Amino acid sequence: MADQQQPIYILPESAMRTRGRDAQRNNIAAAKIVAETVRTTLGPKGMDKMLVDSFGGVTITNDGVTILEEMQIEHPAAKMLVEVARTQENEVGDGTTTAVVLAGELLKKAEDLIDKEVHPTVIAKGYRIAADKAQVILYNMSEKITINDDTTLRNIAMTAMTGKAAESAKEKLAELSIRAIKKIIDIEDHQLKIDLENIKLEKSVGASIEDSELIEGIILDKEKVHPSMPRLIKNAKVALIDCALELKNTEIEAKISITSPEQMQSFLNKEEEILKRIADKIYASGANVVFCQKGIDDLVQHYLAKYGIYAARRIKQSDMEKLSRATKARIITNLEDLSGKDLGAAGIVEEVKINDEEMTFVKECRNPKAVTMLIKGGTQHVVDETERAIKDALGDISAALKLGRVVAGAGSTETEVARNLRKFANTLSGREQLAVLAFAEALEIIPRTLAENSGIDPIDLLTALKQKHDEGKKWAGIDVFTGRIADSWKLGVIEPLKIKTQAIKSATEVAIMILRIDDIIASKETKPQMPYQGEM
């Protein structure tokens, strides 16, 4: 009898392996489910999601990246779509839902081609060709924008906030967003530099969204350190100090030996003298407001209060940098170097009570390069969602100005790119042509979704939309409020070009990556086996 060949185990018994078509189907199915989850949130009539975490905390939002991150997705392919949303958020600040929906649709169309025996690498190559061509088409159809084009900037901000909780006050918030961006812009070598970190967002529950305001300065979640200090300082001269206003410990281990009460008193007097000298130094510089990144000794607080100086301590480094940009004060790391030249200026420094919390307002700064938006709303959920909407608006304005290019929304841009890609596909030979056509069809998921989310029949509307584009009307889009085709540019539905280019780039890359996977090997954690306890 011949020896039976023993099976060879390369992977642990607990490992799960899925190969070939099954692996591709699993991955594509997972990605499609993620895309379908956020798809209903797209557009002005998109719906919101309520996300409840394990502790019972509730988040209500229609922001794509927030939904996906709160969902705690486990499937590895689905996690890749979360990365698409995160990249879109980091690069632009808006368009996360568009990017994820597009990635899901690209995979859906690819699955149809795989069923027709088109090889995944051929589809991947076709998708790359289509994505590169789409970038060229997008740039050529985009319009220029400058920092002085307030009407277009306002429309960009309002488009970003339409369909979110902040929509009721979008005109006011758009105005605040534009003012905030214009304050913090730097121009270097004829290039606009916009760092959104210089716009601080502070939230306050109470009043309505309409009552939100832009503070030309910084709000700190700190109170004055001594009750005797003034609550309000006008014409503030601000000192920013990045060293402890306390007695320093010796660098090396040292012991102080005291043998009599007189020596003890002398030691204490000397300590008090040193601490008083710290307060005197600040007073001599002309400062009447001090923000310290480290601690302030009780005695120093006492003397500063006597001099009528307002002081706050343990300010975050990021806030110190913002204060420096807002007040033009230099951050001092050695108190001995402090002089009048290092001081900044603010019209008012005031301690204000907001929702049982004392905060310091540094406002009315002259030409500040860092500002604060105080966001108000009736409940915590409203304030949180308004903050997300404002972040989208700020990101869109910033992206539009940095690139200097914008396009219209409402599905017009995707329809125009799809039309041009179909023309381009006819110039190709080979199976890549099928992938380019599939890519063009996938782009139409955006106008289709806008129509579906608005309760409009997508088939008739998309047919009419394509007809308008064939007639040369590149900004023809869907007016979701009337259910008709309209000129998106005239409607004021305008978005930065970067949203579209980044969404196509990210969605294509992740779709190609998922398509190229034909083997999934998942190792599970093995429980340590108990030692054998039987008889020897």
Protein backbone atom coordinates (compact mmCIF):
# COMPACT_ATOMS: atom_id res chain seq x y z
CA MET A 1 0.00 0.00 0.00
CA ALA A 2 1.48 3.34 -1.09
CA ASP A 3 2.20 5.96 1.57
CA GLN A 4 -0.45 8.65 1.68
CA GLN A 5 1.03 12.13 1.23
CA GLN A 6 0.67 14.27 4.32
CA PRO A 7 -1.00 17.69 3.84
CA ILE A 8 1.45 20.59 4.16
CA TYR A 9 0.31 23.41 6.48
CA ILE A 10 1.93 26.75 5.73
CA LEU A 11 -0.56 28.97 7.55
CA PRO A 12 -1.85 28.51 11.10
CA GLU A 13 -5.10 26.55 11.40
CA SER A 14 -6.93 29.70 12.51
CA ALA A 15 -6.05 31.62 9.31
CA MET A 16 -8.83 32.23 6.80
CA ARG A 17 -8.04 32.47 3.10
CA THR A 18 -10.26 33.73 0.28
CA ARG A 19 -8.96 33.55 -3.27
CA GLY A 20 -9.66 34.70 -6.82
CA ARG A 21 -13.11 35.90 -7.79
CA ASP A 22 -14.49 35.35 -4.27
CA ALA A 23 -11.87 37.68 -2.77
CA GLN A 24 -12.66 40.38 -5.33
CA ARG A 25 -16.41 40.03 -4.81
CA ASN A 26 -16.04 40.26 -1.02
CA ASN A 27 -13.91 43.39 -1.21
CA ILE A 28 -16.14 45.09 -3.76
CA ALA A 29 -19.28 44.20 -1.77
CA ALA A 30 -17.80 45.69 1.42
CA ALA A 31 -16.77 48.91 -0.38
CA LYS A 32 -20.22 49.21 -2.01
CA ILE A 33 -21.95 48.89 1.38
CA VAL A 34 -19.83 51.73 2.80
CA ALA A 35 -20.58 53.92 -0.24
CA GLU A 36 -24.32 53.17 0.02
CA THR A 37 -24.27 54.13 3.72
CA VAL A 38 -23.09 57.69 3.07
CA ARG A 39 -24.79 58.09 -0.33
CA THR A 40 -28.10 59.28 1.15
CA THR A 41 -26.32 62.25 2.78
CA LEU A 42 -25.20 63.79 -0.55
CA GLY A 43 -26.58 67.12 -1.71
CA PRO A 44 -28.79 69.89 -0.32
CA LYS A 45 -31.60 67.42 0.39
CA GLY A 46 -29.37 64.69 1.82
CA MET A 47 -30.41 63.12 5.10
CA ASP A 48 -28.49 62.93 8.38
CA LYS A 49 -27.20 59.91 10.30
CA MET A 50 -27.50 59.38 14.05
CA LEU A 51 -24.43 57.60 15.39
CA VAL A 52 -24.50 56.23 18.93
CA ASP A 53 -21.19 55.14 20.45
CA SER A 54 -20.62 52.42 23.06
CA PHE A 55 -20.97 54.96 25.89
CA GLY A 56 -24.32 56.23 24.60
CA GLY A 57 -22.85 59.45 23.13
CA VAL A 58 -24.85 60.68 20.15
CA THR A 59 -23.52 62.35 16.97
CA ILE A 60 -25.98 63.65 14.37
CA THR A 61 -24.32 64.58 11.07
CA ASN A 62 -24.27 64.23 7.30
CA ASP A 63 -20.51 64.79 7.08
CA GLY A 64 -19.02 61.79 5.26
CA VAL A 65 -15.74 61.47 7.15
CA THR A 66 -17.43 61.91 10.56
CA ILE A 67 -19.96 59.15 9.75
CA LEU A 68 -17.29 56.70 8.57
CA GLU A 69 -14.96 57.31 11.51
CA GLU A 70 -17.75 56.98 14.08
CA MET A 71 -18.98 53.72 12.48
CA GLN A 72 -15.82 51.85 13.63
CA ILE A 73 -15.57 49.80 10.43
CA GLU A 74 -13.73 46.46 10.71
CA HIS A 75 -13.60 45.05 7.14
CA PRO A 76 -10.12 45.75 5.65
CA ALA A 77 -11.43 46.80 2.19
CA ALA A 78 -14.10 49.00 3.76
CA LYS A 79 -11.40 50.64 5.91
CA MET A 80 -9.68 51.69 2.69
CA LEU A 81 -12.75 53.77 1.79
CA VAL A 82 -12.55 55.45 5.19
CA GLU A 83 -9.00 56.42 4.22
CA VAL A 84 -10.35 58.01 1.02
CA ALA A 85 -12.68 60.18 3.12
CA ARG A 86 -9.86 61.07 5.52
CA THR A 87 -7.53 62.07 2.68
CA GLN A 88 -10.25 64.24 1.13
CA GLU A 89 -10.87 65.88 4.51
CA ASN A 90 -7.16 66.60 5.07
CA GLU A 91 -6.49 67.85 1.54
CA VAL A 92 -9.62 69.96 0.95
CA GLY A 93 -11.88 69.82 4.00
CA ASP A 94 -15.00 68.97 1.99
CA GLY A 95 -16.26 66.53 -0.65
CA THR A 96 -15.75 63.41 1.49
CA THR A 97 -19.13 61.89 0.55
CA THR A 98 -18.49 62.55 -3.16
CA ALA A 99 -15.12 60.75 -3.00
CA VAL A 100 -16.51 57.69 -1.19
CA VAL A 101 -19.62 57.38 -3.40
CA LEU A 102 -17.44 57.66 -6.50
CA ALA A 103 -15.03 54.96 -5.25
CA GLY A 104 -17.97 52.63 -4.56
CA GLU A 105 -19.43 53.21 -8.04
CA LEU A 106 -16.06 52.66 -9.77
CA LEU A 107 -15.84 49.26 -8.06
CA LYS A 108 -19.44 48.43 -8.97
CA LYS A 109 -18.76 49.15 -12.66
CA ALA A 110 -15.50 47.19 -12.46
CA GLU A 111 -17.41 44.18 -11.11
CA ASP A 112 -19.63 44.23 -14.21
CA LEU A 113 -16.52 44.21 -16.41
CA ILE A 114 -14.93 41.34 -14.41
CA ASP A 115 -18.13 39.35 -15.00
CA LYS A 116 -17.58 39.94 -18.74
CA GLU A 117 -14.10 38.39 -18.36
CA VAL A 118 -12.17 41.69 -18.52
CA HIS A 119 -9.01 41.22 -16.45
CA PRO A 120 -8.70 43.45 -13.31
CA THR A 121 -5.30 44.81 -14.40
CA VAL A 122 -6.83 45.92 -17.72
CA ILE A 123 -9.60 47.69 -15.80
CA ALA A 124 -6.99 49.28 -13.51
CA LYS A 125 -5.02 50.56 -16.50
CA GLY A 126 -8.20 51.96 -18.12
CA TYR A 127 -9.21 53.66 -14.88
CA ARG A 128 -5.77 55.31 -14.63
CA ILE A 129 -6.02 56.58 -18.21
CA ALA A 130 -9.54 57.91 -17.52
CA ALA A 131 -8.53 59.58 -14.24
CA ASP A 132 -5.58 61.37 -15.90
CA LYS A 133 -7.79 62.55 -18.75
CA ALA A 134 -10.48 63.67 -16.26
CA GLN A 135 -7.93 65.91 -14.50
CA VAL A 136 -7.13 67.65 -17.82
CA ILE A 137 -10.83 68.06 -18.69
CA LEU A 138 -11.56 69.49 -15.23
CA TYR A 139 -8.78 72.06 -15.42
CA ASN A 140 -9.78 73.19 -18.91
CA MET A 141 -13.42 73.69 -17.96
CA SER A 142 -12.74 75.47 -14.64
CA GLU A 143 -13.02 79.23 -14.11
CA LYS A 144 -10.51 81.58 -12.46
CA ILE A 145 -11.15 83.20 -9.09
CA THR A 146 -9.32 85.91 -7.12
CA ILE A 147 -9.34 87.06 -3.52
CA ASN A 148 -11.44 90.10 -4.46
CA ASP A 149 -14.25 88.05 -6.01
CA ASP A 150 -16.48 88.24 -2.92
CA THR A 151 -19.68 87.10 -4.68
CA THR A 152 -18.11 83.84 -5.89
CA LEU A 153 -16.40 83.26 -2.52
CA ARG A 154 -19.76 83.74 -0.76
CA ASN A 155 -21.40 81.26 -3.13
CA ILE A 156 -18.63 78.71 -2.46
CA ALA A 157 -19.14 79.02 1.32
CA MET A 158 -22.93 78.80 1.03
CA THR A 159 -22.72 75.76 -1.28
CA ALA A 160 -20.55 74.00 1.33
CA MET A 161 -23.12 74.68 4.08
CA THR A 162 -26.29 73.91 2.09
CA GLY A 163 -27.96 70.74 3.34
CA LYS A 164 -26.35 70.96 6.79
CA ALA A 165 -27.66 72.19 10.16
CA ALA A 166 -26.03 75.59 9.54
CA GLU A 167 -28.07 76.19 6.37
CA SER A 168 -30.57 78.45 8.17
CA ALA A 169 -27.81 81.02 8.76
CA LYS A 170 -25.58 80.25 5.76
CA GLU A 171 -25.45 83.89 4.52
CA LYS A 172 -24.20 85.13 7.91
CA LEU A 173 -21.74 82.25 8.38
CA ALA A 174 -20.45 82.59 4.80
CA GLU A 175 -19.74 86.28 5.47
CA LEU A 176 -17.88 85.42 8.70
CA SER A 177 -15.89 82.67 6.94
CA ILE A 178 -14.74 85.01 4.14
CA ARG A 179 -13.74 87.71 6.62
CA ALA A 180 -11.81 85.17 8.71
CA ILE A 181 -9.89 83.80 5.69
CA LYS A 182 -9.04 87.31 4.44
CA LYS A 183 -7.64 88.23 7.87
CA ILE A 184 -5.20 85.33 8.06
CA ILE A 185 -3.94 85.29 4.45
CA ASP A 186 -0.20 85.80 3.94
CA ILE A 187 1.29 86.58 0.53
CA GLU A 188 4.79 85.23 -0.11
CA ASP A 189 6.43 85.44 -3.56
CA HIS A 190 3.06 86.35 -5.08
CA GLN A 191 1.63 83.11 -3.65
CA LEU A 192 -1.29 83.01 -1.22
CA LYS A 193 -0.49 81.21 2.04
CA ILE A 194 -3.55 80.17 4.02
CA ASP A 195 -3.11 78.26 7.28
CA LEU A 196 -6.55 77.36 8.66
CA GLU A 197 -4.92 76.63 12.03
CA ASN A 198 -4.93 80.41 12.51
CA ILE A 199 -8.73 80.40 12.60
CA LYS A 200 -9.72 79.12 16.03
CA LEU A 201 -13.24 77.71 16.39
CA GLU A 202 -14.84 78.11 19.82
CA LYS A 203 -18.29 76.70 20.57
CA SER A 204 -20.94 78.10 22.87
CA VAL A 205 -24.31 76.48 23.57
CA GLY A 206 -27.01 79.11 23.85
CA ALA A 207 -28.60 81.74 21.57
CA SER A 208 -28.98 80.78 17.89
CA ILE A 209 -26.66 80.03 14.96
CA GLU A 210 -27.37 83.58 13.69
CA ASP A 211 -25.65 84.96 16.81
CA SER A 212 -22.28 83.41 15.88
CA GLU A 213 -19.55 86.05 15.57
CA LEU A 214 -16.02 86.63 14.41
CA ILE A 215 -13.62 87.85 17.09
CA GLU A 216 -10.66 89.81 15.71
CA GLY A 217 -8.36 88.16 18.16
CA ILE A 218 -8.29 84.99 20.26
CA ILE A 219 -10.61 83.40 22.83
CA LEU A 220 -8.83 81.39 25.54
CA ASP A 221 -10.50 78.85 27.79
CA LYS A 222 -8.60 80.37 30.74
CA GLU A 223 -9.53 82.72 33.55
CA LYS A 224 -7.46 85.38 35.30
CA VAL A 225 -5.22 83.85 37.97
CA HIS A 226 -6.09 86.21 40.85
CA PRO A 227 -9.53 87.50 41.90
CA SER A 228 -8.15 91.03 42.53
CA MET A 229 -7.02 91.44 38.94
CA PRO A 230 -9.20 93.66 36.73
CA ARG A 231 -11.82 91.83 34.59
CA LEU A 232 -11.41 94.26 31.72
CA ILE A 233 -8.33 95.91 30.25
CA LYS A 234 -8.67 98.46 27.46
CA ASN A 235 -5.76 99.33 25.16
CA ALA A 236 -4.05 96.17 26.30
CA LYS A 237 -0.28 95.82 26.02
CA VAL A 238 0.24 92.07 25.90
CA ALA A 239 3.31 90.14 27.07
CA LEU A 240 3.65 86.48 25.99
CA ILE A 241 6.00 84.60 28.30
CA ASP A 242 7.19 81.04 27.76
CA CYS A 243 8.95 80.53 31.11
CA ALA A 244 7.72 79.87 34.64
CA LEU A 245 7.09 82.99 36.73
CA GLU A 246 8.19 81.06 39.78
CA LEU A 247 11.37 80.29 41.71
CA LYS A 248 13.62 77.98 39.74
CA ASN A 249 14.95 74.80 41.26
CA THR A 250 18.69 74.30 41.08
CA GLU A 251 19.96 72.24 38.15
CA ILE A 252 22.03 70.07 40.50
CA GLU A 253 21.05 68.47 43.80
CA ALA A 254 21.57 71.00 46.56
CA LYS A 255 20.77 71.32 50.27
CA ILE A 256 20.21 74.58 52.12
CA SER A 257 21.25 74.40 55.76
CA ILE A 258 19.50 76.83 58.12
CA THR A 259 20.55 76.91 61.78
CA SER A 260 18.66 79.91 63.23
CA PRO A 261 15.25 81.67 62.88
CA GLU A 262 17.03 84.78 61.57
CA GLN A 263 18.54 82.78 58.70
CA MET A 264 15.11 81.33 57.98
CA GLN A 265 13.56 84.80 57.83
CA SER A 266 16.43 86.04 55.65
CA PHE A 267 15.88 83.10 53.28
CA LEU A 268 12.15 83.83 53.04
CA ASN A 269 12.78 87.54 52.49
CA LYS A 270 15.19 86.73 49.68
CA GLU A 271 12.60 84.43 48.04
CA GLU A 272 9.98 87.17 48.28
CA GLU A 273 12.40 89.71 46.85
CA ILE A 274 13.13 87.50 43.82
CA LEU A 275 9.42 86.93 43.16
CA LYS A 276 8.67 90.67 43.53
CA ARG A 277 11.47 91.39 41.05
CA ILE A 278 9.68 89.14 38.50
CA ALA A 279 6.47 91.18 38.87
CA ASP A 280 8.44 94.46 38.80
CA LYS A 281 10.16 93.41 35.58
CA ILE A 282 6.79 92.80 33.89
CA TYR A 283 5.39 96.10 35.21
CA ALA A 284 8.51 97.99 34.06
CA SER A 285 8.07 96.71 30.50
CA GLY A 286 4.72 98.52 30.30
CA ALA A 287 2.66 95.33 29.98
CA ASN A 288 -0.83 95.32 31.48
CA VAL A 289 -1.75 91.79 30.27
CA VAL A 290 0.41 88.68 30.73
CA PHE A 291 -0.15 85.27 29.16
CA CYS A 292 2.21 82.66 30.55
CA GLN A 293 2.72 79.22 29.03
CA LYS A 294 3.86 77.84 32.38
CA GLY A 295 3.00 78.46 36.05
CA ILE A 296 2.75 81.76 37.98
CA ASP A 297 3.70 81.78 41.68
CA ASP A 298 1.03 82.94 44.16
CA LEU A 299 3.20 85.85 45.30
CA VAL A 300 3.84 86.95 41.70
CA GLN A 301 0.06 86.81 41.14
CA HIS A 302 -0.41 89.05 44.19
CA TYR A 303 2.04 91.70 42.96
CA LEU A 304 0.68 91.61 39.39
CA ALA A 305 -2.82 92.15 40.82
CA LYS A 306 -1.52 95.12 42.85
CA TYR A 307 -0.09 96.63 39.66
CA GLY A 308 -3.49 96.17 37.92
CA ILE A 309 -2.09 93.62 35.47
CA TYR A 310 -4.34 90.88 34.02
CA ALA A 311 -2.63 87.48 33.94
CA ALA A 312 -3.53 83.96 32.77
CA ARG A 313 -1.33 80.88 33.00
CA ARG A 314 -0.75 77.46 31.42
CA ILE A 315 -1.74 78.67 27.95
CA LYS A 316 -1.34 76.00 25.25
CA GLN A 317 1.59 76.48 22.88
CA SER A 318 -0.76 76.57 19.86
CA ASP A 319 -2.75 79.35 21.54
CA MET A 320 0.44 81.25 22.36
CA GLU A 321 1.38 81.17 18.68
CA LYS A 322 -2.09 82.38 17.68
CA LEU A 323 -1.87 85.18 20.27
CA SER A 324 1.47 86.19 18.79
CA ARG A 325 -0.03 86.39 15.28
CA ALA A 326 -3.10 88.27 16.54
CA THR A 327 -1.43 90.84 18.83
CA LYS A 328 2.04 91.01 17.13
CA ALA A 329 3.68 90.23 20.49
CA ARG A 330 6.94 88.29 20.61
CA ILE A 331 6.99 85.10 22.69
CA ILE A 332 9.72 85.60 25.34
CA THR A 333 11.57 82.60 26.80
CA ASN A 334 13.78 84.61 29.18
CA LEU A 335 12.09 87.18 31.39
CA GLU A 336 15.27 89.27 31.61
CA ASP A 337 14.93 90.01 27.86
CA LEU A 338 11.37 91.41 28.16
CA SER A 339 11.05 95.00 26.98
CA GLY A 340 8.37 97.30 25.57
CA LYS A 341 9.35 96.30 22.02
CA ASP A 342 8.23 92.72 22.68
CA LEU A 343 4.68 93.67 23.67
CA GLY A 344 1.65 93.17 21.47
CA ALA A 345 -1.53 95.22 21.34
CA ALA A 346 -5.25 94.46 21.67
CA GLY A 347 -8.20 96.82 21.98
CA ILE A 348 -9.80 94.83 24.78
CA VAL A 349 -8.79 91.91 27.02
CA GLU A 350 -11.73 90.75 29.07
CA GLU A 351 -12.82 87.83 31.24
CA VAL A 352 -16.26 86.64 30.09
CA LYS A 353 -18.47 83.93 31.57
CA ILE A 354 -19.85 81.53 28.94
CA ASN A 355 -21.99 78.60 30.12
CA ASP A 356 -20.59 78.64 33.69
CA GLU A 357 -17.05 78.73 32.34
CA GLU A 358 -14.75 81.74 32.60
CA MET A 359 -12.98 82.56 29.35
CA THR A 360 -10.54 85.28 28.28
CA PHE A 361 -11.39 87.31 25.18
CA VAL A 362 -8.49 89.05 23.46
CA LYS A 363 -10.26 91.16 20.83
CA GLU A 364 -10.16 94.28 18.66
CA CYS A 365 -6.61 93.48 17.61
CA ARG A 366 -5.23 95.69 14.86
CA ASN A 367 -4.87 93.72 11.59
CA PRO A 368 -4.68 90.32 13.35
CA LYS A 369 -3.20 87.33 11.53
CA ALA A 370 -5.10 84.89 13.77
CA VAL A 371 -8.82 85.15 14.58
CA THR A 372 -11.55 83.22 16.41
CA MET A 373 -15.01 82.23 15.25
CA LEU A 374 -17.43 81.92 18.17
CA ILE A 375 -20.05 79.40 17.05
CA LYS A 376 -23.40 79.48 18.82
CA GLY A 377 -26.44 77.21 18.64
CA GLY A 378 -29.43 75.99 20.64
CA THR A 379 -28.02 72.58 21.62
CA GLN A 380 -24.65 70.83 21.70
CA HIS A 381 -25.59 68.72 18.65
CA VAL A 382 -26.48 71.84 16.64
CA VAL A 383 -23.24 73.58 17.63
CA ASP A 384 -21.14 70.50 16.73
CA GLU A 385 -22.77 70.11 13.30
CA THR A 386 -22.48 73.88 12.66
CA GLU A 387 -18.76 73.64 13.44
CA ARG A 388 -18.39 70.84 10.87
CA ALA A 389 -20.26 72.95 8.28
CA ILE A 390 -18.01 75.96 8.94
CA LYS A 391 -14.90 73.77 8.62
CA ASP A 392 -16.20 72.66 5.22
CA ALA A 393 -16.82 76.28 4.17
CA LEU A 394 -13.37 77.43 5.34
CA GLY A 395 -11.72 74.47 3.59
CA ASP A 396 -13.58 75.22 0.35
CA ILE A 397 -12.72 78.93 0.32
CA SER A 398 -9.08 78.13 1.13
CA ALA A 399 -8.86 75.43 -1.59
CA ALA A 400 -10.46 77.75 -4.17
CA LEU A 401 -8.07 80.62 -3.43
CA LYS A 402 -4.91 78.48 -3.26
CA LEU A 403 -5.56 76.95 -6.68
CA GLY A 404 -7.39 80.00 -8.05
CA ARG A 405 -9.84 77.73 -9.90
CA VAL A 406 -13.50 76.83 -9.35
CA VAL A 407 -16.24 74.81 -11.06
CA ALA A 408 -20.02 74.68 -10.75
CA GLY A 409 -21.73 71.95 -8.71
CA ALA A 410 -25.21 70.37 -8.87
CA GLY A 411 -23.86 67.47 -10.94
CA SER A 412 -22.89 69.70 -13.88
CA THR A 413 -19.13 69.11 -13.64
CA GLU A 414 -19.40 65.30 -13.42
CA THR A 415 -21.81 65.18 -16.37
CA GLU A 416 -19.49 67.31 -18.51
CA VAL A 417 -16.42 65.23 -17.61
CA ALA A 418 -18.34 62.00 -18.36
CA ARG A 419 -19.40 63.38 -21.77
CA ASN A 420 -15.81 64.25 -22.68
CA LEU A 421 -14.51 60.89 -21.43
CA ARG A 422 -16.96 59.05 -23.70
CA LYS A 423 -15.59 61.00 -26.66
CA PHE A 424 -12.04 60.21 -25.53
CA ALA A 425 -12.86 56.47 -25.15
CA ASN A 426 -13.70 56.29 -28.87
CA THR A 427 -10.06 57.18 -29.66
CA LEU A 428 -8.77 54.15 -27.74
CA SER A 429 -8.34 50.62 -28.97
CA GLY A 430 -8.31 47.50 -26.83
CA ARG A 431 -10.20 46.59 -23.70
CA GLU A 432 -9.07 49.73 -21.83
CA GLN A 433 -11.79 51.49 -23.82
CA LEU A 434 -14.41 49.55 -21.82
CA ALA A 435 -12.83 50.67 -18.54
CA VAL A 436 -12.81 54.34 -19.65
CA LEU A 437 -16.49 54.09 -20.58
CA ALA A 438 -17.22 52.46 -17.21
CA PHE A 439 -15.35 55.32 -15.50
CA ALA A 440 -17.52 57.87 -17.37
CA GLU A 441 -20.69 56.04 -16.30
CA ALA A 442 -19.44 55.90 -12.69
CA LEU A 443 -19.07 59.70 -12.60
CA GLU A 444 -22.80 60.01 -13.34
CA ILE A 445 -23.55 58.51 -9.91
CA ILE A 446 -23.20 62.05 -8.49
CA PRO A 447 -26.04 63.72 -10.48
CA ARG A 448 -28.06 60.48 -10.15
CA THR A 449 -27.69 60.52 -6.34
CA LEU A 450 -28.56 64.23 -6.15
CA ALA A 451 -31.78 63.49 -8.04
CA GLU A 452 -32.66 60.40 -5.95
CA ASN A 453 -32.00 62.19 -2.65
CA SER A 454 -34.34 65.00 -3.78
CA GLY A 455 -37.17 62.63 -4.69
CA ILE A 456 -36.81 63.26 -8.46
CA ASP A 457 -36.92 60.53 -11.13
CA PRO A 458 -33.21 60.17 -12.04
CA ILE A 459 -33.68 58.49 -15.44
CA ASP A 460 -35.67 61.29 -17.12
CA LEU A 461 -33.59 63.99 -15.44
CA LEU A 462 -30.22 62.47 -16.44
CA THR A 463 -31.39 62.09 -20.03
CA ALA A 464 -32.39 65.78 -20.11
CA LEU A 465 -29.12 66.74 -18.39
CA LYS A 466 -26.97 64.91 -20.97
CA GLN A 467 -28.93 66.57 -23.76
CA LYS A 468 -28.18 70.04 -22.37
CA HIS A 469 -24.46 69.19 -22.15
CA ASP A 470 -24.48 67.89 -25.73
CA GLU A 471 -25.84 71.32 -26.69
CA GLY A 472 -22.69 72.89 -25.17
CA LYS A 473 -24.12 74.05 -21.82
CA LYS A 474 -21.27 72.89 -19.56
CA TRP A 475 -22.77 74.27 -16.33
CA ALA A 476 -26.19 72.63 -16.79
CA GLY A 477 -27.01 70.94 -13.48
CA ILE A 478 -29.90 69.77 -11.33
CA ASP A 479 -31.89 72.37 -9.41
CA VAL A 480 -32.98 70.05 -6.59
CA PHE A 481 -35.54 72.57 -5.32
CA THR A 482 -37.52 72.79 -8.58
CA GLY A 483 -36.64 69.40 -10.05
CA ARG A 484 -35.53 70.98 -13.33
CA ILE A 485 -32.28 71.46 -15.25
CA ALA A 486 -30.74 74.90 -14.62
CA ASP A 487 -27.46 76.79 -15.01
CA SER A 488 -25.56 75.85 -11.82
CA TRP A 489 -23.23 78.85 -12.09
CA LYS A 490 -26.18 81.27 -12.17
CA LEU A 491 -27.77 79.40 -9.25
CA GLY A 492 -24.58 80.13 -7.27
CA VAL A 493 -23.72 76.44 -6.77
CA ILE A 494 -19.94 76.78 -6.95
CA GLU A 495 -17.18 74.54 -5.61
CA PRO A 496 -13.38 74.66 -5.68
CA LEU A 497 -11.76 72.67 -8.48
CA LYS A 498 -9.63 70.89 -5.84
CA ILE A 499 -12.71 69.05 -4.47
CA LYS A 500 -13.31 67.39 -7.83
CA THR A 501 -9.68 66.67 -8.73
CA GLN A 502 -8.88 65.22 -5.28
CA ALA A 503 -12.08 63.13 -5.15
CA ILE A 504 -11.36 61.57 -8.56
CA LYS A 505 -7.70 61.00 -7.68
CA SER A 506 -8.41 59.33 -4.30
CA ALA A 507 -11.41 57.31 -5.50
CA THR A 508 -9.49 55.96 -8.52
CA GLU A 509 -6.44 55.01 -6.47
CA VAL A 510 -8.44 53.07 -3.88
CA ALA A 511 -10.61 51.39 -6.53
CA ILE A 512 -7.49 50.20 -8.38
CA MET A 513 -5.89 48.97 -5.16
CA ILE A 514 -8.98 46.93 -4.21
CA LEU A 515 -9.32 45.54 -7.76
CA ARG A 516 -5.76 44.21 -7.79
CA ILE A 517 -6.34 42.06 -4.67
CA ASP A 518 -7.06 38.41 -5.55
CA ASP A 519 -6.09 36.72 -2.30
CA ILE A 520 -7.08 37.55 1.28
CA ILE A 521 -5.23 35.82 4.09
CA ALA A 522 -6.69 36.74 7.47
CA SER A 523 -4.91 35.50 10.59
CA LYS A 524 -6.98 35.19 13.72
CA GLU A 525 -5.60 35.42 17.21
CA THR A 526 -5.07 31.95 18.59
CA LYS A 527 -5.87 31.29 22.23
CA PRO A 528 -2.95 29.82 24.16
CA GLN A 529 -3.60 26.12 24.70
CA MET A 530 -3.77 24.81 28.25
CA PRO A 531 -0.94 22.44 29.12
CA TYR A 532 -1.85 18.75 29.09
CA GLN A 533 -2.99 17.73 32.57
CA GLY A 534 -3.58 13.99 32.08
CA GLU A 535 -1.73 11.15 33.76
CA MET A 536 1.82 10.39 32.72
